[in-house]
Amino acid sequence: MRKLLICVPLACAVFLLGTTANAHCVRAAWMISQTVCVYCDMARAFFVRNNIPLEEYNLDDRRNFRWNVGDLPVGTVRAFAQRRYGWVATPILEIDGVVIRGYNLPAIQKETCTYN
């Protein structure tokens, strides 16, 4: 009986702490977007609403970036997207190595373990 009394409050504490902290299973997430893109705005809002950090790169940005993924070490966002994904339709999300093309809410929720 004593074990039951100790375990129940502990289980309640774990449950309450788990629900207050927005638990998600994302280690790294980034998005390629455009300046005028409704679906990019919807994807960005999902990440903000769920407190998930998101790196964002805009296709309209003409600066050169040094990339640490793919076979293009230096180039614009557009060149990187064209070479890595084969197209530049936005948004392109990459969540822990899984590529999601377009605003696909069920896929985004599955990869982020977040259903808000």
N, C-alpha and C. Protein backbone atom coordinates (compact mmCIF):
# COMPACT_ATOMS: atom_id res chain seq x y z
N MET A 1 0.81 -1.20 0.00
CA MET A 1 0.00 0.00 0.00
C MET A 1 0.85 1.26 0.00
N ARG A 2 1.97 1.19 0.68
CA ARG A 2 2.84 2.35 0.75
C ARG A 2 3.38 2.73 -0.63
N LYS A 3 3.72 1.75 -1.45
CA LYS A 3 4.21 2.04 -2.79
C LYS A 3 3.16 2.75 -3.63
N LEU A 4 1.93 2.36 -3.48
CA LEU A 4 0.85 3.00 -4.23
C LEU A 4 0.73 4.48 -3.87
N LEU A 5 0.85 4.81 -2.61
CA LEU A 5 0.75 6.20 -2.17
C LEU A 5 1.92 7.04 -2.70
N ILE A 6 3.07 6.44 -2.83
CA ILE A 6 4.23 7.17 -3.35
C ILE A 6 4.14 7.31 -4.86
N CYS A 7 3.69 6.28 -5.55
CA CYS A 7 3.66 6.30 -7.01
C CYS A 7 2.58 7.21 -7.57
N VAL A 8 1.43 7.28 -6.93
CA VAL A 8 0.34 8.09 -7.47
C VAL A 8 0.70 9.57 -7.53
N PRO A 9 1.20 10.18 -6.46
CA PRO A 9 1.59 11.60 -6.58
C PRO A 9 2.70 11.81 -7.61
N LEU A 10 3.63 10.88 -7.68
CA LEU A 10 4.71 11.00 -8.66
C LEU A 10 4.16 10.95 -10.08
N ALA A 11 3.23 10.04 -10.34
CA ALA A 11 2.63 9.94 -11.66
C ALA A 11 1.86 11.21 -12.00
N CYS A 12 1.16 11.77 -11.03
CA CYS A 12 0.43 13.03 -11.26
C CYS A 12 1.39 14.17 -11.57
N ALA A 13 2.50 14.23 -10.86
CA ALA A 13 3.47 15.29 -11.11
C ALA A 13 4.07 15.16 -12.50
N VAL A 14 4.41 13.94 -12.90
CA VAL A 14 4.96 13.73 -14.25
C VAL A 14 3.94 14.10 -15.31
N PHE A 15 2.69 13.71 -15.10
CA PHE A 15 1.64 14.03 -16.06
C PHE A 15 1.44 15.54 -16.18
N LEU A 16 1.36 16.23 -15.06
CA LEU A 16 1.14 17.68 -15.09
C LEU A 16 2.32 18.41 -15.70
N LEU A 17 3.53 18.01 -15.37
CA LEU A 17 4.70 18.65 -15.96
C LEU A 17 4.78 18.38 -17.45
N GLY A 18 4.41 17.18 -17.87
CA GLY A 18 4.45 16.83 -19.29
C GLY A 18 3.45 17.60 -20.11
N THR A 19 2.30 17.96 -19.54
CA THR A 19 1.28 18.65 -20.31
C THR A 19 1.52 20.15 -20.35
N THR A 20 2.22 20.71 -19.35
CA THR A 20 2.45 22.15 -19.37
C THR A 20 3.58 22.51 -20.32
N ALA A 21 4.57 21.66 -20.42
CA ALA A 21 5.67 21.92 -21.35
C ALA A 21 5.25 21.38 -22.72
N ASN A 22 5.32 22.21 -23.74
CA ASN A 22 4.95 21.76 -25.08
C ASN A 22 5.96 20.74 -25.57
N ALA A 23 5.66 19.48 -25.35
CA ALA A 23 6.57 18.40 -25.72
C ALA A 23 6.49 18.17 -27.22
N HIS A 24 7.61 18.17 -27.86
CA HIS A 24 7.68 17.83 -29.28
C HIS A 24 8.99 17.10 -29.52
N CYS A 25 9.06 16.41 -30.60
CA CYS A 25 10.21 15.55 -30.86
C CYS A 25 11.08 16.09 -31.99
N VAL A 26 11.21 17.39 -32.12
CA VAL A 26 11.97 17.99 -33.20
C VAL A 26 13.36 18.37 -32.71
N ARG A 27 14.38 17.92 -33.41
CA ARG A 27 15.73 18.35 -33.10
C ARG A 27 16.14 19.52 -33.99
N ALA A 28 15.80 19.47 -35.27
CA ALA A 28 16.16 20.54 -36.20
C ALA A 28 15.08 20.68 -37.25
N ALA A 29 14.61 21.92 -37.43
CA ALA A 29 13.57 22.19 -38.43
C ALA A 29 13.92 23.47 -39.16
N TRP A 30 13.77 23.44 -40.48
CA TRP A 30 13.98 24.66 -41.25
C TRP A 30 13.07 24.67 -42.45
N MET A 31 12.83 25.89 -42.96
CA MET A 31 11.86 26.07 -44.03
C MET A 31 12.44 27.00 -45.08
N ILE A 32 12.18 26.66 -46.33
CA ILE A 32 12.47 27.57 -47.45
C ILE A 32 11.15 28.18 -47.84
N SER A 33 11.09 29.52 -47.81
CA SER A 33 9.84 30.23 -48.04
C SER A 33 10.03 31.31 -49.09
N GLN A 34 8.94 32.00 -49.39
CA GLN A 34 8.96 33.18 -50.25
C GLN A 34 8.32 34.34 -49.49
N THR A 35 8.56 35.54 -49.97
CA THR A 35 8.01 36.72 -49.31
C THR A 35 6.49 36.71 -49.32
N VAL A 36 5.90 36.44 -50.46
CA VAL A 36 4.44 36.39 -50.57
C VAL A 36 4.05 34.92 -50.77
N CYS A 37 3.64 34.28 -49.66
CA CYS A 37 3.31 32.86 -49.70
C CYS A 37 2.38 32.56 -48.53
N VAL A 38 1.11 32.36 -48.81
CA VAL A 38 0.13 32.10 -47.76
C VAL A 38 0.43 30.79 -47.03
N TYR A 39 0.84 29.77 -47.77
CA TYR A 39 1.13 28.49 -47.14
C TYR A 39 2.38 28.55 -46.27
N CYS A 40 3.34 29.40 -46.65
CA CYS A 40 4.51 29.62 -45.80
C CYS A 40 4.09 30.28 -44.50
N ASP A 41 3.18 31.25 -44.58
CA ASP A 41 2.66 31.92 -43.39
C ASP A 41 1.95 30.93 -42.48
N MET A 42 1.19 30.01 -43.05
CA MET A 42 0.47 29.01 -42.25
C MET A 42 1.46 28.05 -41.57
N ALA A 43 2.49 27.64 -42.28
CA ALA A 43 3.50 26.75 -41.69
C ALA A 43 4.25 27.48 -40.58
N ARG A 44 4.65 28.71 -40.82
CA ARG A 44 5.35 29.52 -39.81
C ARG A 44 4.48 29.67 -38.56
N ALA A 45 3.18 29.95 -38.75
CA ALA A 45 2.26 30.11 -37.62
C ALA A 45 2.16 28.83 -36.80
N PHE A 46 2.17 27.67 -37.46
CA PHE A 46 2.13 26.39 -36.74
C PHE A 46 3.33 26.26 -35.82
N PHE A 47 4.52 26.58 -36.32
CA PHE A 47 5.74 26.45 -35.51
C PHE A 47 5.75 27.47 -34.37
N VAL A 48 5.30 28.67 -34.62
CA VAL A 48 5.24 29.68 -33.56
C VAL A 48 4.23 29.29 -32.50
N ARG A 49 3.05 28.85 -32.93
CA ARG A 49 1.98 28.46 -32.01
C ARG A 49 2.41 27.32 -31.08
N ASN A 50 3.26 26.44 -31.58
CA ASN A 50 3.69 25.28 -30.81
C ASN A 50 5.08 25.44 -30.19
N ASN A 51 5.63 26.64 -30.23
CA ASN A 51 6.94 26.95 -29.64
C ASN A 51 8.05 26.01 -30.14
N ILE A 52 8.07 25.76 -31.43
CA ILE A 52 9.09 24.92 -32.04
C ILE A 52 10.04 25.84 -32.82
N PRO A 53 11.33 25.81 -32.51
CA PRO A 53 12.27 26.67 -33.23
C PRO A 53 12.36 26.27 -34.70
N LEU A 54 12.39 27.29 -35.56
CA LEU A 54 12.40 27.07 -37.01
C LEU A 54 13.37 28.05 -37.65
N GLU A 55 14.32 27.52 -38.39
CA GLU A 55 15.19 28.37 -39.20
C GLU A 55 14.49 28.58 -40.53
N GLU A 56 14.52 29.81 -41.03
CA GLU A 56 13.82 30.11 -42.26
C GLU A 56 14.75 30.78 -43.26
N TYR A 57 14.67 30.33 -44.50
CA TYR A 57 15.43 30.90 -45.60
C TYR A 57 14.46 31.33 -46.68
N ASN A 58 14.61 32.54 -47.16
CA ASN A 58 13.68 33.11 -48.13
C ASN A 58 14.27 33.03 -49.53
N LEU A 59 13.49 32.53 -50.49
CA LEU A 59 13.96 32.42 -51.88
C LEU A 59 14.30 33.76 -52.49
N ASP A 60 13.65 34.82 -52.00
CA ASP A 60 13.88 36.15 -52.56
C ASP A 60 15.17 36.79 -52.05
N ASP A 61 15.83 36.17 -51.09
CA ASP A 61 17.09 36.68 -50.55
C ASP A 61 18.21 36.37 -51.54
N ARG A 62 18.88 37.38 -52.01
CA ARG A 62 19.91 37.19 -53.04
C ARG A 62 21.32 37.03 -52.48
N ARG A 63 21.44 37.06 -51.15
CA ARG A 63 22.77 36.87 -50.55
C ARG A 63 23.23 35.43 -50.73
N ASN A 64 24.53 35.24 -50.70
CA ASN A 64 25.10 33.90 -50.74
C ASN A 64 25.23 33.36 -49.33
N PHE A 65 24.85 32.12 -49.14
CA PHE A 65 24.96 31.46 -47.85
C PHE A 65 25.96 30.32 -47.96
N ARG A 66 26.58 29.98 -46.85
CA ARG A 66 27.44 28.81 -46.77
C ARG A 66 26.60 27.69 -46.18
N TRP A 67 26.34 26.66 -46.97
CA TRP A 67 25.46 25.57 -46.55
C TRP A 67 26.27 24.45 -45.95
N ASN A 68 25.73 23.81 -44.94
CA ASN A 68 26.42 22.66 -44.33
C ASN A 68 25.71 21.35 -44.67
N VAL A 69 24.80 21.40 -45.64
CA VAL A 69 24.13 20.19 -46.12
C VAL A 69 24.16 20.18 -47.63
N GLY A 70 24.06 19.01 -48.20
CA GLY A 70 24.03 18.92 -49.66
C GLY A 70 25.40 19.09 -50.28
N ASP A 71 25.44 19.18 -51.59
CA ASP A 71 26.70 19.27 -52.30
C ASP A 71 26.98 20.67 -52.84
N LEU A 72 26.22 21.66 -52.37
CA LEU A 72 26.43 23.05 -52.79
C LEU A 72 26.96 23.82 -51.59
N PRO A 73 28.30 24.04 -51.51
CA PRO A 73 28.85 24.68 -50.32
C PRO A 73 28.47 26.15 -50.18
N VAL A 74 28.37 26.87 -51.29
CA VAL A 74 28.05 28.29 -51.25
C VAL A 74 27.05 28.58 -52.37
N GLY A 75 26.05 29.41 -52.08
CA GLY A 75 25.10 29.79 -53.12
C GLY A 75 23.88 30.45 -52.55
N THR A 76 23.01 30.90 -53.42
CA THR A 76 21.76 31.52 -52.98
C THR A 76 20.77 30.46 -52.52
N VAL A 77 19.73 30.90 -51.86
CA VAL A 77 18.70 29.98 -51.40
C VAL A 77 18.01 29.30 -52.58
N ARG A 78 17.74 30.08 -53.63
CA ARG A 78 17.09 29.53 -54.82
C ARG A 78 17.95 28.44 -55.47
N ALA A 79 19.25 28.69 -55.60
CA ALA A 79 20.15 27.69 -56.19
C ALA A 79 20.22 26.44 -55.31
N PHE A 80 20.26 26.64 -54.01
CA PHE A 80 20.30 25.52 -53.09
C PHE A 80 19.03 24.66 -53.20
N ALA A 81 17.86 25.33 -53.20
CA ALA A 81 16.59 24.60 -53.29
C ALA A 81 16.48 23.85 -54.62
N GLN A 82 16.90 24.50 -55.69
CA GLN A 82 16.83 23.87 -57.01
C GLN A 82 17.71 22.63 -57.06
N ARG A 83 18.90 22.73 -56.48
CA ARG A 83 19.84 21.62 -56.55
C ARG A 83 19.47 20.49 -55.59
N ARG A 84 19.05 20.85 -54.37
CA ARG A 84 18.77 19.82 -53.36
C ARG A 84 17.42 19.15 -53.56
N TYR A 85 16.39 19.94 -53.91
CA TYR A 85 15.03 19.40 -53.99
C TYR A 85 14.51 19.28 -55.41
N GLY A 86 15.17 19.90 -56.37
CA GLY A 86 14.76 19.78 -57.76
C GLY A 86 13.69 20.76 -58.18
N TRP A 87 13.21 21.58 -57.27
CA TRP A 87 12.21 22.59 -57.60
C TRP A 87 12.23 23.67 -56.54
N VAL A 88 11.50 24.73 -56.78
CA VAL A 88 11.52 25.85 -55.83
C VAL A 88 10.12 26.25 -55.38
N ALA A 89 9.13 25.39 -55.48
CA ALA A 89 7.79 25.69 -54.96
C ALA A 89 7.86 25.71 -53.44
N THR A 90 7.20 26.67 -52.83
CA THR A 90 7.31 26.83 -51.39
C THR A 90 5.98 26.55 -50.71
N PRO A 91 6.00 26.23 -49.45
CA PRO A 91 7.16 26.04 -48.58
C PRO A 91 7.77 24.65 -48.76
N ILE A 92 9.05 24.60 -48.49
CA ILE A 92 9.77 23.33 -48.40
C ILE A 92 10.24 23.24 -46.96
N LEU A 93 9.74 22.27 -46.24
CA LEU A 93 10.12 22.08 -44.84
C LEU A 93 11.02 20.87 -44.72
N GLU A 94 12.03 20.97 -43.89
CA GLU A 94 12.85 19.81 -43.58
C GLU A 94 12.90 19.70 -42.07
N ILE A 95 12.32 18.62 -41.56
CA ILE A 95 12.22 18.39 -40.12
C ILE A 95 12.98 17.12 -39.80
N ASP A 96 14.11 17.28 -39.12
CA ASP A 96 14.97 16.14 -38.78
C ASP A 96 15.27 15.26 -39.98
N GLY A 97 15.55 15.89 -41.11
CA GLY A 97 15.92 15.16 -42.31
C GLY A 97 14.77 14.71 -43.18
N VAL A 98 13.53 14.87 -42.72
CA VAL A 98 12.36 14.49 -43.50
C VAL A 98 11.88 15.72 -44.27
N VAL A 99 11.76 15.61 -45.57
CA VAL A 99 11.36 16.73 -46.42
C VAL A 99 9.84 16.71 -46.60
N ILE A 100 9.21 17.86 -46.36
CA ILE A 100 7.78 18.02 -46.58
C ILE A 100 7.62 19.16 -47.57
N ARG A 101 7.06 18.86 -48.73
CA ARG A 101 6.88 19.88 -49.76
C ARG A 101 5.45 20.39 -49.68
N GLY A 102 5.31 21.70 -49.57
CA GLY A 102 4.00 22.31 -49.45
C GLY A 102 3.52 22.28 -48.01
N TYR A 103 2.36 22.88 -47.77
CA TYR A 103 1.79 22.91 -46.43
C TYR A 103 0.91 21.68 -46.25
N ASN A 104 1.51 20.64 -45.70
CA ASN A 104 0.83 19.37 -45.45
C ASN A 104 0.72 19.20 -43.94
N LEU A 105 -0.37 19.72 -43.36
CA LEU A 105 -0.52 19.76 -41.91
C LEU A 105 -0.40 18.39 -41.25
N PRO A 106 -1.05 17.33 -41.74
CA PRO A 106 -0.88 16.03 -41.08
C PRO A 106 0.58 15.56 -41.05
N ALA A 107 1.31 15.79 -42.12
CA ALA A 107 2.73 15.38 -42.16
C ALA A 107 3.56 16.23 -41.19
N ILE A 108 3.27 17.52 -41.12
CA ILE A 108 4.00 18.40 -40.20
C ILE A 108 3.71 18.00 -38.76
N GLN A 109 2.45 17.71 -38.45
CA GLN A 109 2.09 17.28 -37.11
C GLN A 109 2.76 15.97 -36.75
N LYS A 110 2.81 15.06 -37.68
CA LYS A 110 3.45 13.75 -37.42
C LYS A 110 4.92 13.92 -37.13
N GLU A 111 5.61 14.71 -37.92
CA GLU A 111 7.06 14.87 -37.75
C GLU A 111 7.43 15.69 -36.53
N THR A 112 6.55 16.58 -36.08
CA THR A 112 6.84 17.39 -34.91
C THR A 112 6.24 16.83 -33.63
N CYS A 113 5.45 15.75 -33.74
CA CYS A 113 4.75 15.15 -32.59
C CYS A 113 3.88 16.19 -31.88
N THR A 114 3.30 17.10 -32.63
CA THR A 114 2.48 18.17 -32.08
C THR A 114 1.17 18.22 -32.87
N TYR A 115 0.06 18.27 -32.17
CA TYR A 115 -1.23 18.21 -32.85
C TYR A 115 -2.10 19.41 -32.53
N ASN A 116 -1.50 20.58 -32.35
CA ASN A 116 -2.25 21.83 -32.11
C ASN A 116 -2.40 22.61 -33.39
